[in-house]
Structures are given as C-alpha cells and as structure tokens.
Amino acid sequence: MSDKPLTSSVDRETPRALDTIVYGGIVVAILDGLFAFVFYGLILGVKPLRIFQSVASGLLGRSSFDGGVRTFVFGLLLHLVVAICIAAVFYLASLKLPILIRHAVASGLVYGLIAYLVMNYVVIPLSRIGLRPTTMRVFLPAFIAHAFLVGLPIALLARRSAQARERNKT
C-alpha cells in the first residue's frame, strides 16, 4: 500500500492562477502584439504608432489618434489588460471544465477563435470604436493568428501549470 495521498483527476488538472492568468496574459500580449506589428504594420502598411492607438480608441474614441506616444503606451497597456482578461476567462473555464486541460491543443485553438469572435463582434462594437467593417484579407489571418497566438499558448501554459502543480504535490 502506498503512503501517497489519493488525488482525483480534477486535482491533477487544475492549473495555478498566476501561471495561467499573469504569465499567459503576458505571453499572449507579446505574441499578439508582434502579430499586429507584422501583419498590420509591415504587410498592410499601418504606421506602428497607430496600431496601439487604435486599441486606446476603444476607450478614448478618435482622439486617441491625436495623442502621440502617450496614447500608444495607453493602448499597449490596454492590450496587456485584455490579454490578461482572456487568460483569466480560460483559467476560470478550466476549473469547471478540466477537459480544457486534458485536451489543451484542441481547446486552446478553439478558445483562440472564440476569443477573436467575442472581441471583434461583442467587445469592440460596444466600445467607442463601434462595429467596423472587415474583409477576408484582414479577418482570416487575424482569426487564424488568434487560434495559434492567443488560445493555444494560454491552454498550453495552463496545462503545464497543472502538471507542475501535480509534480509539486508528490
């Protein structure tokens, strides 16, 4: 008979909040920010300053584009807050649905797609930006990028965190 305490599969599949939310949010903010600079900046020709000023415009409206570096930095901070919120939602969902941890790759990819749709068709239309038209040229790369650069990293970090938690118990 083993002296090790019995743990349920749910215990083994529970990630740590700090790892998933904070680290996941930071990783996602960096990856998604790099995507924005490459796709919108280099490929579509948007000036780098405007990329995060557009994020700030969700709260400030059109005046964010007149704010220079100040509203760029504000937009960058908002971008980080949004990424942390997206990671927090995944973390909370994983507490109720351990399958998200067991199938981290699939759930992460799907979660990234859902996060993109919610952001672009619920959050942004309710912000000072409002509903904005899009084209397939913009929608498809951003949609796919969110699967791989937003949802997947959060899910993988959550799974890694759950595995580390289990290793530390034994």
Protein backbone atom coordinates (compact mmCIF):
# COMPACT_ATOMS: atom_id res chain seq x y z
CA MET A 1 0.00 0.00 0.00
CA SER A 2 1.31 3.44 -0.93
CA ASP A 3 1.63 6.31 1.54
CA LYS A 4 0.91 8.84 -1.21
CA PRO A 5 -2.42 10.62 -0.82
CA LEU A 6 -5.01 9.84 -3.43
CA THR A 7 -5.81 12.77 -5.67
CA SER A 8 -8.64 12.99 -8.13
CA SER A 9 -8.08 13.62 -11.81
CA VAL A 10 -9.67 17.06 -11.29
CA ASP A 11 -6.93 17.96 -8.78
CA ARG A 12 -4.29 16.89 -11.28
CA GLU A 13 -5.86 19.06 -13.94
CA THR A 14 -6.14 22.31 -12.01
CA PRO A 15 -3.69 24.97 -13.18
CA ARG A 16 -2.28 27.65 -10.91
CA ALA A 17 -3.92 31.05 -11.36
CA LEU A 18 -0.68 33.06 -11.51
CA ASP A 19 0.85 30.85 -14.20
CA THR A 20 -2.21 30.82 -16.38
CA ILE A 21 -3.54 34.34 -15.93
CA VAL A 22 -0.49 36.57 -15.49
CA TYR A 23 2.13 34.63 -17.44
CA GLY A 24 -0.40 33.55 -20.04
CA GLY A 25 -1.61 37.12 -20.43
CA ILE A 26 1.92 38.47 -20.83
CA VAL A 27 2.90 35.80 -23.37
CA VAL A 28 -0.29 36.38 -25.36
CA ALA A 29 0.10 40.17 -25.26
CA ILE A 30 3.61 39.82 -26.68
CA LEU A 31 2.68 37.29 -29.37
CA ASP A 32 -0.47 39.13 -30.44
CA GLY A 33 1.37 42.46 -30.37
CA LEU A 34 4.11 41.05 -32.62
CA PHE A 35 1.43 39.73 -34.95
CA ALA A 36 -0.16 43.19 -35.06
CA PHE A 37 3.15 44.86 -35.92
CA VAL A 38 3.98 42.31 -38.62
CA PHE A 39 0.52 41.92 -40.16
CA TYR A 40 -0.98 45.38 -39.81
CA GLY A 41 2.32 47.27 -39.84
CA LEU A 42 4.59 45.50 -42.31
CA ILE A 43 2.03 43.77 -44.54
CA LEU A 44 -0.87 46.24 -44.54
CA GLY A 45 1.25 49.36 -44.05
CA VAL A 46 -0.34 50.76 -40.88
CA LYS A 47 2.02 53.10 -39.05
CA PRO A 48 3.33 51.40 -35.88
CA LEU A 49 2.16 54.22 -33.61
CA ARG A 50 -1.42 53.83 -34.86
CA ILE A 51 -1.58 50.12 -34.09
CA PHE A 52 -1.88 50.53 -30.32
CA GLN A 53 -3.53 53.94 -30.59
CA SER A 54 -6.37 52.01 -32.21
CA VAL A 55 -6.59 49.86 -29.08
CA ALA A 56 -6.75 53.03 -26.96
CA SER A 57 -9.54 54.31 -29.21
CA GLY A 58 -11.80 51.68 -27.63
CA LEU A 59 -11.91 53.90 -24.55
CA LEU A 60 -10.83 57.29 -25.90
CA GLY A 61 -12.50 57.31 -29.30
CA ARG A 62 -10.96 59.07 -32.30
CA SER A 63 -8.97 61.43 -30.08
CA SER A 64 -6.56 58.55 -29.33
CA PHE A 65 -5.01 59.07 -32.78
CA ASP A 66 -4.02 62.62 -31.80
CA GLY A 67 -2.32 61.57 -28.55
CA GLY A 68 1.06 60.52 -29.93
CA VAL A 69 3.24 58.23 -27.84
CA ARG A 70 1.05 58.79 -24.77
CA THR A 71 -2.00 57.08 -26.31
CA PHE A 72 0.25 54.46 -27.95
CA VAL A 73 1.52 53.45 -24.48
CA PHE A 74 -2.02 53.59 -23.09
CA GLY A 75 -3.15 51.28 -25.91
CA LEU A 76 -0.25 48.95 -25.17
CA LEU A 77 -1.31 48.76 -21.50
CA LEU A 78 -4.93 48.16 -22.51
CA HIS A 79 -3.75 45.40 -24.84
CA LEU A 80 -2.00 43.74 -21.89
CA VAL A 81 -5.10 44.08 -19.70
CA VAL A 82 -7.26 42.49 -22.39
CA ALA A 83 -4.78 39.62 -22.83
CA ILE A 84 -4.79 39.01 -19.07
CA CYS A 85 -8.60 39.03 -19.07
CA ILE A 86 -8.67 36.50 -21.92
CA ALA A 87 -6.26 34.28 -19.97
CA ALA A 88 -8.37 34.69 -16.82
CA VAL A 89 -11.51 33.54 -18.62
CA PHE A 90 -9.69 30.42 -19.86
CA TYR A 91 -8.38 29.73 -16.36
CA LEU A 92 -11.85 30.05 -14.81
CA ALA A 93 -13.36 27.86 -17.53
CA SER A 94 -10.66 25.23 -16.96
CA LEU A 95 -11.65 24.99 -13.29
CA LYS A 96 -15.17 23.98 -14.32
CA LEU A 97 -14.17 22.03 -17.45
CA PRO A 98 -10.97 20.02 -16.82
CA ILE A 99 -11.25 18.68 -20.37
CA LEU A 100 -9.75 22.03 -21.44
CA ILE A 101 -6.51 20.99 -19.72
CA ARG A 102 -6.63 17.35 -20.87
CA HIS A 103 -7.06 18.45 -24.49
CA ALA A 104 -5.05 21.66 -24.34
CA VAL A 105 -4.13 21.87 -28.02
CA ALA A 106 -7.65 21.46 -29.37
CA SER A 107 -9.27 23.55 -26.63
CA GLY A 108 -6.65 26.27 -26.98
CA LEU A 109 -7.10 26.55 -30.73
CA VAL A 110 -10.88 26.73 -30.39
CA TYR A 111 -10.62 29.17 -27.48
CA GLY A 112 -8.44 31.50 -29.56
CA LEU A 113 -11.07 31.54 -32.31
CA ILE A 114 -13.83 32.22 -29.79
CA ALA A 115 -11.77 34.99 -28.16
CA TYR A 116 -11.33 36.66 -31.55
CA LEU A 117 -15.05 36.49 -32.36
CA VAL A 118 -16.10 37.81 -28.93
CA MET A 119 -13.54 40.62 -29.10
CA ASN A 120 -14.46 41.72 -32.61
CA TYR A 121 -18.22 41.15 -32.58
CA VAL A 122 -19.12 41.92 -28.95
CA VAL A 123 -16.41 43.94 -27.14
CA ILE A 124 -15.28 46.27 -29.94
CA PRO A 125 -18.84 47.08 -31.13
CA LEU A 126 -19.70 48.03 -27.54
CA SER A 127 -16.59 50.24 -27.26
CA ARG A 128 -16.08 53.75 -28.65
CA ILE A 129 -14.82 52.12 -31.85
CA GLY A 130 -18.17 50.54 -32.68
CA LEU A 131 -18.82 47.89 -35.29
CA ARG A 132 -16.24 48.14 -38.01
CA PRO A 133 -16.34 46.53 -41.42
CA THR A 134 -13.76 43.89 -42.27
CA THR A 135 -12.57 41.99 -45.30
CA MET A 136 -11.44 38.39 -45.65
CA ARG A 137 -7.92 39.73 -46.24
CA VAL A 138 -7.93 41.04 -42.67
CA PHE A 139 -10.37 38.64 -40.98
CA LEU A 140 -8.81 35.31 -41.97
CA PRO A 141 -5.16 35.96 -40.93
CA ALA A 142 -6.24 37.57 -37.65
CA PHE A 143 -8.74 34.78 -36.93
CA ILE A 144 -6.14 32.07 -37.50
CA ALA A 145 -3.46 34.01 -35.59
CA HIS A 146 -5.71 34.16 -32.54
CA ALA A 147 -6.02 30.37 -32.55
CA PHE A 148 -2.24 29.89 -32.55
CA LEU A 149 -1.00 33.04 -30.77
CA VAL A 150 -3.74 33.60 -28.19
CA GLY A 151 -5.73 30.47 -27.36
CA LEU A 152 -3.02 27.85 -27.83
CA PRO A 153 -0.35 29.49 -25.63
CA ILE A 154 -2.83 30.07 -22.81
CA ALA A 155 -4.04 26.46 -22.91
CA LEU A 156 -0.50 25.07 -23.06
CA LEU A 157 0.63 27.25 -20.17
CA ALA A 158 -2.43 26.17 -18.17
CA ARG A 159 -1.66 22.50 -18.85
CA ARG A 160 2.00 22.99 -17.93
CA SER A 161 0.93 24.74 -14.74
CA ALA A 162 -1.44 21.89 -13.83
CA GLN A 163 1.32 19.35 -14.44
CA ALA A 164 3.76 21.36 -12.30
CA ARG A 165 1.19 21.60 -9.52
CA GLU A 166 0.77 17.82 -9.58
CA ARG A 167 4.56 17.24 -9.56
CA ASN A 168 4.92 19.54 -6.54
CA LYS A 169 2.28 17.55 -4.61
CA THR A 170 4.23 14.31 -4.84
